[in-house]
Amino acid sequence: MMNRVLLSGAGAALLIAVVAPASCILPSYEETGATSSSSGSSSATGGGGMGGASTTSSTSGGGSTSSNTGGGGGGDGGGGSTGAGGSLPSGQVIWQHQSSDASIPYGVAVSPQGEVLVAGGTMALNFGPGCTAAGNGILSPYVVRFDGAAPGTCKAPQLFLNDNPAEAFSVAADSAGSAILGGYYTGNIKINGPVVMTTADTSPFVAKAGASSWVFGRISGGGGQASRETLAVAVQPMTDKIVATGRFKHDLTFEGSATPPSTASMQDQVFVAELASNGAGVWADSFGSMMSFGAVGRGIAVASSGEVFVTGTFFGALVVGPQNLMAQGVPDAFVVKLDPSGKVSWAGTLTAGQGKLAWGKGIAVAGANALVTGYATGPIAVNGCSGASAGVDGYLARFNVNGNGASDKCARFKAQDASGNVEPQAIAVDAKGNVFVVGDLKGSADFGGGAKSSAGGWDVFIVKLDAQLNHVWSKTYGDDQDQHAVGVAVGPDGGVVMTGTLLGSIDFGAGVLQNAAMTPNVFVVKLTP
């Protein structure tokens, strides 16, 4: 089933942020020739799914001290970068920050001006003196800005207070550095008091937070209780075209307040939409089927030429434009290319086989290739990812943007035994085509440079591959409690920014970050490439 509807923008909406004082300052660096990452690389993270941990938080507060020591992972390979501060090895900390509250980050982006934007959901934010945002006891979306240069000073914290729960699941940045947010809300969303939208159910939103204004892209639904949420947003360079994907049940409209007729499927379906830079709706599509057992759009990217690429997961059958996709696994991953007008060009699947799981989590565009990352409980029949699987493997699959929806190459992050679990969550690409993947590791895995093991719980990993998907370096971080990576982005200086959640302690190499509370803290770290 594919519905095509026009959407229109509505004015104003939501905002929250908190910024942290620097906990470390290292020498500056510059990678010669480095420019901003390709479109979509900083906004391809899906909402939730942090390696088996809860992806929402309904408590605030929490300490940030502990006697634990942070587990660190060694690096493999990788050359140094040179700059004013001399030579620094790859994967070294430029700056790092930690919140001292129970907040959840879902995504990170870097603006063309080099500012780092982190978004998520919280009841209150606290990154230290001068960087706090008080809440009203209700889960609300936030945006935190940091200076890209060391020490990563907190800038313009923003928090959107609501009467009902809401969160930002994804963030991107436009050419002016405005934050583009995607997430969900229930009831209404407000900024400075006025209600800008009201809905009886949970609905997705896309919002723009500029220097002095908000533009709201209206997306709403009705027809009983339903899950509707924007899980990923991306911005096209130069034009500031905004694209978004997520999931919905029953009905979804992108303009006005009228409720369209109920759809045939009662399960989750995928939506993909384009908004102009002023929030006005351009087009919207949905992918689903009466036979579908559920489908979710989790990652989106847009090329400089305007083509849109989407990944996610589906059970059963999925009708995507003229193509009918059938899942072998439970679920399979899908990859779809749409032309600039929203028409489907091709669609493909990634499967681990009958009864197995293949999850599509993030997507980025690098030249003539779309790159998809996720994880699977069996081998994927693509060059580089076939062969026996011991546990849950991560993968990075390459698709030619002018192809037919079939992957031609794959990099495998291979679990070493049945207890190994590798779950990539997000992907970013730099100007040279190098690829950065972050996610969660439990047990032992080989990312291409030798086996690495978690310290007992879920640990954070980051891996760098070159443009041919060859391993360059990889690192893991964590202790015997749970740490999760949820987002990654590359800045105009080539620096790599990662965000996630922290219980216990974590050591990126520039001082241990500690959290003795029972609820997670946010970490944000900028690394040399």
Protein backbone atom coordinates (compact mmCIF):
# COMPACT_ATOMS: atom_id res chain seq x y z
CA MET A 1 0.00 0.00 0.00
CA MET A 2 1.34 3.44 -0.86
CA ASN A 3 -0.56 6.60 0.03
CA ARG A 4 0.49 9.94 -1.36
CA VAL A 5 -0.58 13.07 0.47
CA LEU A 6 0.55 16.69 0.58
CA LEU A 7 1.59 18.21 3.86
CA SER A 8 1.72 21.77 5.10
CA GLY A 9 3.69 23.52 7.82
CA ALA A 10 2.30 24.99 10.98
CA GLY A 11 4.08 27.65 12.98
CA ALA A 12 6.13 27.30 16.13
CA ALA A 13 6.95 24.58 18.68
CA LEU A 14 9.29 22.96 21.14
CA LEU A 15 12.81 23.37 22.45
CA ILE A 16 15.21 22.31 25.27
CA ALA A 17 18.89 22.10 25.77
CA VAL A 18 21.69 21.81 28.26
CA VAL A 19 25.41 22.10 27.75
CA ALA A 20 28.37 20.74 29.63
CA PRO A 21 31.57 22.24 30.87
CA ALA A 22 34.67 20.65 29.44
CA SER A 23 36.05 17.77 31.40
CA CYS A 24 39.11 17.55 29.22
CA ILE A 25 40.96 19.74 26.75
CA LEU A 26 43.52 18.29 24.37
CA PRO A 27 45.65 19.93 21.66
CA SER A 28 43.79 21.07 18.57
CA TYR A 29 44.15 19.19 15.31
CA GLU A 30 43.29 19.63 11.69
CA GLU A 31 42.90 16.97 9.02
CA THR A 32 44.05 18.46 5.73
CA GLY A 33 41.28 18.63 3.17
CA ALA A 34 38.56 17.54 5.60
CA THR A 35 35.13 19.06 5.07
CA SER A 36 31.69 18.35 6.39
CA SER A 37 30.28 14.86 6.12
CA SER A 38 27.90 13.88 3.35
CA SER A 39 24.20 14.59 3.75
CA GLY A 40 22.37 12.25 6.03
CA SER A 41 25.47 10.92 7.71
CA SER A 42 24.72 12.69 10.96
CA SER A 43 21.02 11.98 11.09
CA ALA A 44 20.70 8.34 10.18
CA THR A 45 20.14 7.07 13.64
CA GLY A 46 16.86 5.44 14.46
CA GLY A 47 15.05 6.09 17.68
CA GLY A 48 15.53 3.66 20.54
CA GLY A 49 17.03 0.21 20.20
CA MET A 50 20.07 0.72 22.40
CA GLY A 51 21.32 -2.83 22.63
CA GLY A 52 18.49 -4.20 24.68
CA ALA A 53 18.35 -1.32 27.15
CA SER A 54 15.27 0.77 27.80
CA THR A 55 15.11 3.60 25.30
CA THR A 56 13.02 5.97 27.36
CA SER A 57 13.56 7.59 30.71
CA SER A 58 10.91 8.79 33.12
CA THR A 59 13.06 9.84 36.04
CA SER A 60 15.36 12.74 36.66
CA GLY A 61 18.35 13.39 38.81
CA GLY A 62 21.10 10.89 39.49
CA GLY A 63 24.65 11.14 40.67
CA SER A 64 27.78 11.40 38.60
CA THR A 65 30.44 10.06 40.91
CA SER A 66 31.66 6.52 41.32
CA SER A 67 34.65 4.56 42.49
CA ASN A 68 34.45 2.32 39.43
CA THR A 69 37.11 2.52 36.80
CA GLY A 70 36.13 2.87 33.17
CA GLY A 71 36.96 0.09 30.79
CA GLY A 72 38.76 1.17 27.64
CA GLY A 73 39.38 -0.52 24.35
CA GLY A 74 42.62 -0.28 22.40
CA GLY A 75 42.75 1.06 18.87
CA ASP A 76 43.71 -0.81 15.73
CA GLY A 77 45.70 0.86 13.02
CA GLY A 78 44.92 4.41 11.94
CA GLY A 79 47.28 7.24 11.24
CA GLY A 80 47.74 10.43 13.18
CA SER A 81 46.42 13.90 12.41
CA THR A 82 48.56 17.00 12.57
CA GLY A 83 47.72 20.53 13.56
CA ALA A 84 48.65 23.33 15.90
CA GLY A 85 48.95 20.94 18.78
CA GLY A 86 51.21 18.50 16.95
CA SER A 87 50.47 14.94 15.95
CA LEU A 88 47.57 13.07 17.53
CA PRO A 89 46.68 9.42 16.90
CA SER A 90 43.33 8.45 15.50
CA GLY A 91 40.48 8.01 17.97
CA GLN A 92 41.96 10.35 20.60
CA VAL A 93 39.65 12.57 22.66
CA ILE A 94 39.42 16.25 21.69
CA TRP A 95 36.78 16.97 24.34
CA GLN A 96 34.16 15.07 26.31
CA HIS A 97 31.10 15.93 28.41
CA GLN A 98 28.69 14.12 30.71
CA SER A 99 25.29 15.01 32.10
CA SER A 100 24.42 14.36 35.74
CA ASP A 101 20.73 13.68 35.18
CA ALA A 102 18.57 10.82 33.93
CA SER A 103 18.44 11.81 30.26
CA ILE A 104 18.40 9.80 27.05
CA PRO A 105 20.12 10.99 23.86
CA TYR A 106 18.86 9.62 20.54
CA GLY A 107 20.96 11.42 17.96
CA VAL A 108 23.80 13.82 17.22
CA ALA A 109 24.56 16.15 14.32
CA VAL A 110 27.27 18.66 13.43
CA SER A 111 26.31 21.90 11.70
CA PRO A 112 28.27 23.36 8.76
CA GLN A 113 29.58 25.90 11.27
CA GLY A 114 30.99 23.07 13.41
CA GLU A 115 28.52 23.18 16.31
CA VAL A 116 27.59 19.83 17.84
CA LEU A 117 23.88 19.21 18.44
CA VAL A 118 22.60 16.41 20.69
CA ALA A 119 18.87 15.66 21.02
CA GLY A 120 16.72 13.30 23.05
CA GLY A 121 14.21 13.18 25.89
CA THR A 122 14.43 14.14 29.55
CA MET A 123 12.60 15.61 32.53
CA ALA A 124 15.49 17.98 33.27
CA LEU A 125 19.03 18.49 32.00
CA ASN A 126 22.25 19.18 33.86
CA PHE A 127 25.63 19.28 32.16
CA GLY A 128 27.15 21.45 34.86
CA PRO A 129 27.12 25.09 36.01
CA GLY A 130 25.64 27.41 33.41
CA CYS A 131 24.36 24.51 31.37
CA THR A 132 21.10 23.38 32.93
CA ALA A 133 17.44 23.29 31.94
CA ALA A 134 14.71 22.80 34.51
CA GLY A 135 11.76 20.58 33.63
CA ASN A 136 8.17 20.28 34.79
CA GLY A 137 8.21 16.60 35.76
CA ILE A 138 7.10 15.43 32.30
CA LEU A 139 9.32 13.75 29.70
CA SER A 140 10.17 16.41 27.10
CA PRO A 141 12.40 16.84 24.03
CA TYR A 142 15.69 18.68 24.27
CA VAL A 143 18.54 20.01 22.15
CA VAL A 144 22.01 20.69 23.52
CA ARG A 145 24.61 22.62 21.52
CA PHE A 146 28.38 22.44 22.01
CA ASP A 147 31.17 24.39 20.41
CA GLY A 148 32.99 22.13 17.96
CA ALA A 149 36.43 23.32 19.04
CA ALA A 150 37.96 22.32 22.37
CA PRO A 151 36.82 22.56 25.10
CA GLY A 152 33.41 22.01 23.50
CA THR A 153 31.70 24.80 25.43
CA CYS A 154 27.97 24.41 25.99
CA LYS A 155 25.85 26.85 23.97
CA ALA A 156 22.15 27.75 23.98
CA PRO A 157 20.60 24.85 25.92
CA GLN A 158 16.95 24.35 24.94
CA LEU A 159 14.11 22.35 26.54
CA PHE A 160 10.52 22.00 25.27
CA LEU A 161 8.10 21.66 28.17
CA ASN A 162 4.84 19.87 27.50
CA ASP A 163 1.73 18.73 29.32
CA ASN A 164 2.24 15.15 28.08
CA PRO A 165 5.29 13.00 27.21
CA ALA A 166 7.30 13.86 24.10
CA GLU A 167 10.83 13.10 22.89
CA ALA A 168 13.18 13.96 20.02
CA PHE A 169 14.39 10.76 18.36
CA SER A 170 16.61 12.33 15.69
CA VAL A 171 18.44 15.56 14.90
CA ALA A 172 20.03 17.10 11.82
CA ALA A 173 21.41 20.56 11.02
CA ASP A 174 20.59 22.85 8.10
CA SER A 175 22.94 25.28 6.34
CA ALA A 176 22.31 28.01 8.93
CA GLY A 177 22.97 25.67 11.84
CA SER A 178 19.31 25.34 12.84
CA ALA A 179 18.35 22.07 14.53
CA ILE A 180 15.91 19.86 12.63
CA LEU A 181 14.20 17.50 15.07
CA GLY A 182 12.04 14.43 14.62
CA GLY A 183 10.18 12.61 17.37
CA TYR A 184 6.77 12.07 18.94
CA TYR A 185 4.34 13.99 21.10
CA THR A 186 1.06 13.31 22.86
CA GLY A 187 -1.60 15.90 23.59
CA ASN A 188 0.21 19.06 22.52
CA ILE A 189 3.56 20.71 22.02
CA LYS A 190 4.24 24.19 23.36
CA ILE A 191 6.95 26.83 23.25
CA ASN A 192 6.84 29.86 25.54
CA GLY A 193 3.29 28.97 26.52
CA PRO A 194 1.18 28.81 23.32
CA VAL A 195 -0.09 25.43 22.19
CA VAL A 196 1.10 24.82 18.65
CA MET A 197 -0.47 21.43 18.07
CA THR A 198 -2.99 19.15 19.72
CA THR A 199 -3.68 15.49 19.08
CA ALA A 200 -5.67 12.79 20.85
CA ASP A 201 -3.02 10.13 20.19
CA THR A 202 0.74 9.78 19.95
CA SER A 203 1.84 11.50 16.74
CA PRO A 204 5.13 12.20 14.96
CA PHE A 205 6.57 15.66 14.56
CA VAL A 206 9.26 17.38 12.52
CA ALA A 207 10.40 20.74 13.87
CA LYS A 208 13.02 23.37 13.07
CA ALA A 209 14.75 25.38 15.81
CA GLY A 210 16.52 28.39 14.36
CA ALA A 211 18.24 31.35 15.93
CA SER A 212 14.94 33.14 16.60
CA SER A 213 12.06 31.01 15.37
CA TRP A 214 10.45 27.61 15.16
CA VAL A 215 8.86 26.13 12.09
CA PHE A 216 6.66 23.12 12.67
CA GLY A 217 5.89 20.47 10.04
CA ARG A 218 2.47 19.15 11.01
CA ILE A 219 1.97 15.41 11.08
CA SER A 220 -0.96 13.99 13.01
CA GLY A 221 -3.25 10.98 13.24
CA GLY A 222 -6.43 9.69 14.80
CA GLY A 223 -8.60 6.62 15.04
CA GLY A 224 -7.83 5.13 18.42
CA GLN A 225 -4.62 4.49 20.29
CA ALA A 226 -1.70 4.15 17.91
CA SER A 227 2.08 4.45 17.79
CA ARG A 228 3.23 7.20 15.48
CA GLU A 229 6.71 8.65 15.66
CA THR A 230 9.41 10.22 13.51
CA LEU A 231 12.53 8.13 13.99
CA ALA A 232 14.98 9.79 11.59
CA VAL A 233 15.46 13.12 9.81
CA ALA A 234 18.04 14.38 7.30
CA VAL A 235 18.75 17.65 5.48
CA GLN A 236 19.88 18.07 1.87
CA PRO A 237 22.95 20.31 1.53
CA MET A 238 22.43 23.76 0.02
CA THR A 239 18.65 23.45 -0.51
CA ASP A 240 17.87 22.63 3.16
CA LYS A 241 15.22 20.17 1.99
CA ILE A 242 14.10 18.11 5.02
CA VAL A 243 13.22 14.42 4.79
CA ALA A 244 11.84 12.23 7.55
CA THR A 245 10.81 8.65 8.17
CA GLY A 246 9.21 6.67 10.96
CA ARG A 247 6.16 4.56 11.65
CA PHE A 248 2.41 4.90 12.10
CA LYS A 249 -0.73 2.85 12.66
CA HIS A 250 -4.27 3.40 11.45
CA ASP A 251 -4.24 6.90 9.95
CA LEU A 252 -1.77 9.67 9.26
CA THR A 253 -2.25 13.07 7.70
CA PHE A 254 0.31 15.70 6.81
CA GLU A 255 -1.96 18.71 6.53
CA GLY A 256 -4.89 20.26 8.38
CA SER A 257 -6.66 18.58 11.24
CA ALA A 258 -9.00 16.25 9.35
CA THR A 259 -8.78 12.54 10.07
CA PRO A 260 -8.40 10.43 6.90
CA PRO A 261 -10.15 7.05 6.57
CA SER A 262 -8.58 4.14 8.45
CA THR A 263 -6.05 2.14 6.50
CA ALA A 264 -6.49 -1.58 5.88
CA SER A 265 -3.49 -2.60 7.98
CA MET A 266 -3.67 -2.43 11.77
CA GLN A 267 0.10 -2.93 12.05
CA ASP A 268 2.96 -0.43 11.96
CA GLN A 269 3.67 1.01 8.53
CA VAL A 270 6.49 3.18 7.19
CA PHE A 271 6.08 6.81 6.26
CA VAL A 272 8.53 8.94 4.29
CA ALA A 273 7.99 12.67 3.85
CA GLU A 274 9.66 15.78 2.47
CA LEU A 275 9.28 19.28 3.89
CA ALA A 276 10.61 22.52 2.46
CA SER A 277 13.03 24.54 4.56
CA ASN A 278 10.11 26.67 5.84
CA GLY A 279 8.19 23.61 7.05
CA ALA A 280 5.75 23.48 4.14
CA GLY A 281 4.86 19.96 3.05
CA VAL A 282 6.05 18.77 -0.36
CA TRP A 283 5.18 15.04 -0.55
CA ALA A 284 4.60 12.01 1.65
CA ASP A 285 4.50 8.26 1.01
CA SER A 286 3.68 5.21 3.07
CA PHE A 287 4.84 1.59 2.67
CA GLY A 288 2.77 -1.25 4.04
CA SER A 289 0.43 -4.10 3.24
CA MET A 290 -2.71 -5.83 4.49
CA MET A 291 -0.41 -8.86 4.94
CA SER A 292 2.26 -6.96 6.81
CA PHE A 293 3.03 -7.83 10.41
CA GLY A 294 4.67 -4.50 10.91
CA ALA A 295 7.22 -2.20 9.27
CA VAL A 296 9.28 0.70 10.63
CA GLY A 297 11.47 3.31 8.93
CA ARG A 298 14.56 3.74 11.13
CA GLY A 299 17.17 5.58 9.05
CA ILE A 300 17.08 8.16 6.25
CA ALA A 301 19.61 10.03 4.12
CA VAL A 302 19.35 12.48 1.22
CA ALA A 303 21.93 12.91 -1.54
CA SER A 304 23.09 16.29 -2.82
CA SER A 305 21.13 15.53 -6.00
CA GLY A 306 17.90 15.11 -4.01
CA GLU A 307 17.44 11.33 -4.02
CA VAL A 308 16.20 9.93 -0.71
CA PHE A 309 17.34 6.63 0.86
CA VAL A 310 15.50 4.86 3.67
CA THR A 311 16.20 1.75 5.72
CA GLY A 312 14.29 -0.07 8.43
CA THR A 313 12.71 -3.40 9.24
CA PHE A 314 9.60 -5.29 8.19
CA PHE A 315 7.76 -8.52 8.88
CA GLY A 316 5.74 -10.44 6.29
CA ALA A 317 5.03 -8.46 3.14
CA LEU A 318 5.86 -4.86 2.26
CA VAL A 319 4.54 -3.04 -0.80
CA VAL A 320 7.01 -0.31 -1.81
CA GLY A 321 5.79 1.54 -4.89
CA PRO A 322 5.62 -1.03 -7.71
CA GLN A 323 7.63 -3.63 -5.78
CA ASN A 324 6.44 -6.32 -3.38
CA LEU A 325 9.02 -7.32 -0.78
CA MET A 326 8.63 -10.57 1.17
CA ALA A 327 10.53 -11.11 4.42
CA GLN A 328 12.24 -14.45 4.95
CA GLY A 329 13.38 -13.55 8.45
CA VAL A 330 11.62 -12.16 11.51
CA PRO A 331 12.22 -9.40 10.58
CA ASP A 332 14.26 -8.51 7.47
CA ALA A 333 15.85 -5.16 6.70
CA PHE A 334 14.69 -3.08 3.75
CA VAL A 335 16.44 -0.39 1.70
CA VAL A 336 14.51 2.00 -0.56
CA LYS A 337 15.59 4.73 -2.98
CA LEU A 338 13.15 7.49 -3.92
CA ASP A 339 13.73 10.13 -6.59
CA PRO A 340 13.54 13.85 -5.68
CA SER A 341 9.78 13.87 -6.31
CA GLY A 342 9.19 10.97 -3.89
CA LYS A 343 8.70 8.25 -6.53
CA VAL A 344 10.22 4.87 -5.65
CA SER A 345 13.25 4.05 -7.84
CA TRP A 346 14.15 0.70 -6.30
CA ALA A 347 13.75 -1.36 -3.16
CA GLY A 348 15.76 -4.25 -1.75
CA THR A 349 16.13 -6.42 1.33
CA LEU A 350 18.85 -7.77 3.58
CA THR A 351 18.03 -11.12 5.17
CA ALA A 352 19.74 -13.65 7.40
CA GLY A 353 17.33 -16.38 6.25
CA GLN A 354 14.30 -18.23 7.50
CA GLY A 355 13.53 -17.58 11.14
CA LYS A 356 16.52 -15.23 11.56
CA LEU A 357 16.64 -11.54 12.36
CA ALA A 358 18.12 -8.79 10.18
CA TRP A 359 17.76 -5.24 11.47
CA GLY A 360 18.30 -2.06 9.41
CA LYS A 361 19.36 0.78 11.74
CA GLY A 362 21.21 3.56 9.90
CA ILE A 363 21.95 4.77 6.38
CA ALA A 364 24.29 7.29 4.74
CA VAL A 365 25.18 8.34 1.19
CA ALA A 366 28.79 8.42 0.01
CA GLY A 367 29.21 9.33 -3.65
CA ALA A 368 27.69 6.59 -5.80
CA ASN A 369 26.90 4.38 -2.82
CA ALA A 370 24.27 4.11 -0.12
CA LEU A 371 25.65 2.48 3.03
CA VAL A 372 23.37 0.63 5.45
CA THR A 373 24.29 -0.64 8.90
CA GLY A 374 22.48 -2.94 11.28
CA TYR A 375 22.75 -6.41 12.79
CA ALA A 376 21.64 -9.97 12.10
CA THR A 377 21.40 -13.34 13.85
CA GLY A 378 22.78 -15.18 10.84
CA PRO A 379 24.96 -14.60 7.76
CA ILE A 380 23.74 -12.21 5.09
CA ALA A 381 24.18 -13.49 1.55
CA VAL A 382 26.31 -10.57 0.35
CA ASN A 383 30.01 -10.59 -0.51
CA GLY A 384 31.84 -10.11 2.80
CA CYS A 385 29.00 -11.09 5.13
CA SER A 386 28.34 -14.71 4.17
CA GLY A 387 29.59 -17.75 6.06
CA ALA A 388 28.65 -19.25 9.40
CA SER A 389 27.54 -16.95 12.19
CA ALA A 390 28.27 -17.71 15.85
CA GLY A 391 26.19 -15.01 17.52
CA VAL A 392 24.66 -11.65 16.56
CA ASP A 393 26.81 -9.97 13.90
CA GLY A 394 26.90 -6.34 12.87
CA TYR A 395 27.09 -5.46 9.19
CA LEU A 396 27.69 -2.56 6.82
CA ALA A 397 26.18 -3.20 3.37
CA ARG A 398 26.91 -1.16 0.24
CA PHE A 399 24.31 -0.40 -2.44
CA ASN A 400 25.02 1.34 -5.75
CA VAL A 401 22.63 4.30 -5.86
CA ASN A 402 22.03 3.64 -9.57
CA GLY A 403 21.63 -0.11 -9.10
CA ASN A 404 18.62 -2.36 -8.66
CA GLY A 405 18.40 -2.63 -4.88
CA ALA A 406 20.94 -5.46 -4.47
CA SER A 407 23.96 -5.00 -2.22
CA ASP A 408 27.33 -5.66 -3.89
CA LYS A 409 29.64 -5.62 -0.85
CA CYS A 410 29.41 -5.99 2.90
CA ALA A 411 31.69 -5.52 5.92
CA ARG A 412 31.00 -7.85 8.83
CA PHE A 413 31.50 -7.16 12.52
CA LYS A 414 31.63 -10.79 13.57
CA ALA A 415 30.66 -12.19 16.96
CA GLN A 416 33.30 -14.64 18.15
CA ASP A 417 30.96 -17.08 19.91
CA ALA A 418 27.30 -17.67 20.76
CA SER A 419 27.40 -15.05 23.52
CA GLY A 420 28.76 -12.37 21.19
CA ASN A 421 26.34 -9.58 20.31
CA VAL A 422 27.28 -6.68 18.00
CA GLU A 423 24.53 -4.11 17.42
CA PRO A 424 25.44 -1.10 15.24
CA GLN A 425 23.15 1.88 15.87
CA ALA A 426 24.34 4.73 13.64
CA ILE A 427 26.60 5.62 10.72
CA ALA A 428 28.41 8.71 9.41
CA VAL A 429 30.64 9.36 6.38
CA ASP A 430 33.37 11.97 5.98
CA ALA A 431 34.35 13.97 2.90
CA LYS A 432 36.91 11.34 1.86
CA GLY A 433 34.40 8.50 1.96
CA ASN A 434 35.63 7.04 5.25
CA VAL A 435 32.83 5.42 7.23
CA PHE A 436 32.25 5.55 11.00
CA VAL A 437 29.86 3.11 12.69
CA VAL A 438 28.96 3.17 16.38
CA GLY A 439 26.92 0.80 18.47
CA ASP A 440 26.86 -1.71 21.29
CA LEU A 441 28.97 -4.79 22.04
CA LYS A 442 28.37 -7.63 24.46
CA GLY A 443 30.82 -10.54 24.56
CA SER A 444 33.56 -10.74 21.92
CA ALA A 445 33.66 -9.62 18.30
CA ASP A 446 36.11 -8.93 15.49
CA PHE A 447 35.55 -5.64 13.66
CA GLY A 448 38.32 -6.44 11.20
CA GLY A 449 41.39 -5.69 13.31
CA GLY A 450 41.29 -8.58 15.79
CA ALA A 451 38.99 -9.72 18.56
CA LYS A 452 37.71 -7.27 21.18
CA SER A 453 35.64 -8.08 24.27
CA SER A 454 33.20 -6.15 26.42
CA ALA A 455 33.98 -5.69 30.12
CA GLY A 456 30.90 -7.58 31.27
CA GLY A 457 27.84 -5.56 30.31
CA TRP A 458 27.01 -3.72 27.11
CA ASP A 459 29.97 -1.62 25.94
CA VAL A 460 30.30 1.13 23.34
CA PHE A 461 32.17 0.52 20.08
CA ILE A 462 33.29 2.74 17.21
CA VAL A 463 34.83 1.44 14.00
CA LYS A 464 36.35 3.33 11.08
CA LEU A 465 36.37 1.82 7.58
CA ASP A 466 37.84 3.31 4.44
CA ALA A 467 35.84 4.02 1.28
CA GLN A 468 36.33 0.39 0.16
CA LEU A 469 34.94 -0.85 3.49
CA ASN A 470 38.35 -2.01 4.73
CA HIS A 471 38.98 -1.81 8.48
CA VAL A 472 41.09 1.18 9.55
CA TRP A 473 40.70 1.22 13.34
CA SER A 474 38.19 0.25 16.01
CA LYS A 475 37.80 0.87 19.74
CA THR A 476 35.57 -0.31 22.56
CA TYR A 477 34.78 1.44 25.86
CA GLY A 478 32.95 0.48 29.04
CA ASP A 479 32.90 -1.42 32.33
CA ASP A 480 30.79 -4.24 33.79
CA GLN A 481 27.65 -2.08 33.68
CA ASP A 482 25.83 -0.92 30.53
CA GLN A 483 27.00 1.80 28.17
CA HIS A 484 25.36 2.40 24.79
CA ALA A 485 26.22 4.45 21.70
CA VAL A 486 23.25 5.91 19.83
CA GLY A 487 24.63 8.48 17.39
CA VAL A 488 27.68 9.57 15.39
CA ALA A 489 28.46 12.55 13.16
CA VAL A 490 31.46 14.04 11.35
CA GLY A 491 32.20 17.77 11.50
CA PRO A 492 33.67 20.18 8.94
CA ASP A 493 37.09 19.75 10.59
CA GLY A 494 36.94 15.96 10.19
CA GLY A 495 36.42 15.34 13.91
CA VAL A 496 34.09 12.50 14.87
CA VAL A 497 31.42 13.07 17.53
CA MET A 498 29.67 10.22 19.34
CA THR A 499 26.89 10.28 21.93
CA GLY A 500 25.19 7.66 24.07
CA THR A 501 24.23 6.64 27.60
CA LEU A 502 26.34 5.77 30.61
CA LEU A 503 25.87 3.63 33.69
CA GLY A 504 28.93 2.84 35.80
CA SER A 505 31.99 4.33 34.16
CA ILE A 506 33.60 4.79 30.78
CA ASP A 507 37.11 5.89 29.84
CA PHE A 508 37.68 7.33 26.36
CA GLY A 509 41.30 8.02 27.27
CA ALA A 510 41.08 11.50 28.77
CA GLY A 511 39.68 10.90 32.23
CA VAL A 512 37.03 8.49 33.48
CA LEU A 513 33.39 9.53 33.22
CA GLN A 514 31.47 8.04 36.17
CA ASN A 515 27.81 7.57 37.03
CA ALA A 516 26.93 5.83 40.29
CA ALA A 517 23.18 6.33 39.89
CA MET A 518 20.68 3.71 38.73
CA THR A 519 19.56 5.90 35.82
CA PRO A 520 21.67 6.74 32.75
CA ASN A 521 23.69 9.87 32.06
CA VAL A 522 24.41 11.29 28.62
CA PHE A 523 27.96 11.26 27.25
CA VAL A 524 29.22 13.29 24.30
CA VAL A 525 32.76 12.84 23.02
CA LYS A 526 34.68 14.28 20.08
CA LEU A 527 37.50 12.15 18.66
CA THR A 528 40.26 12.61 16.12
CA PRO A 529 39.49 10.71 12.89
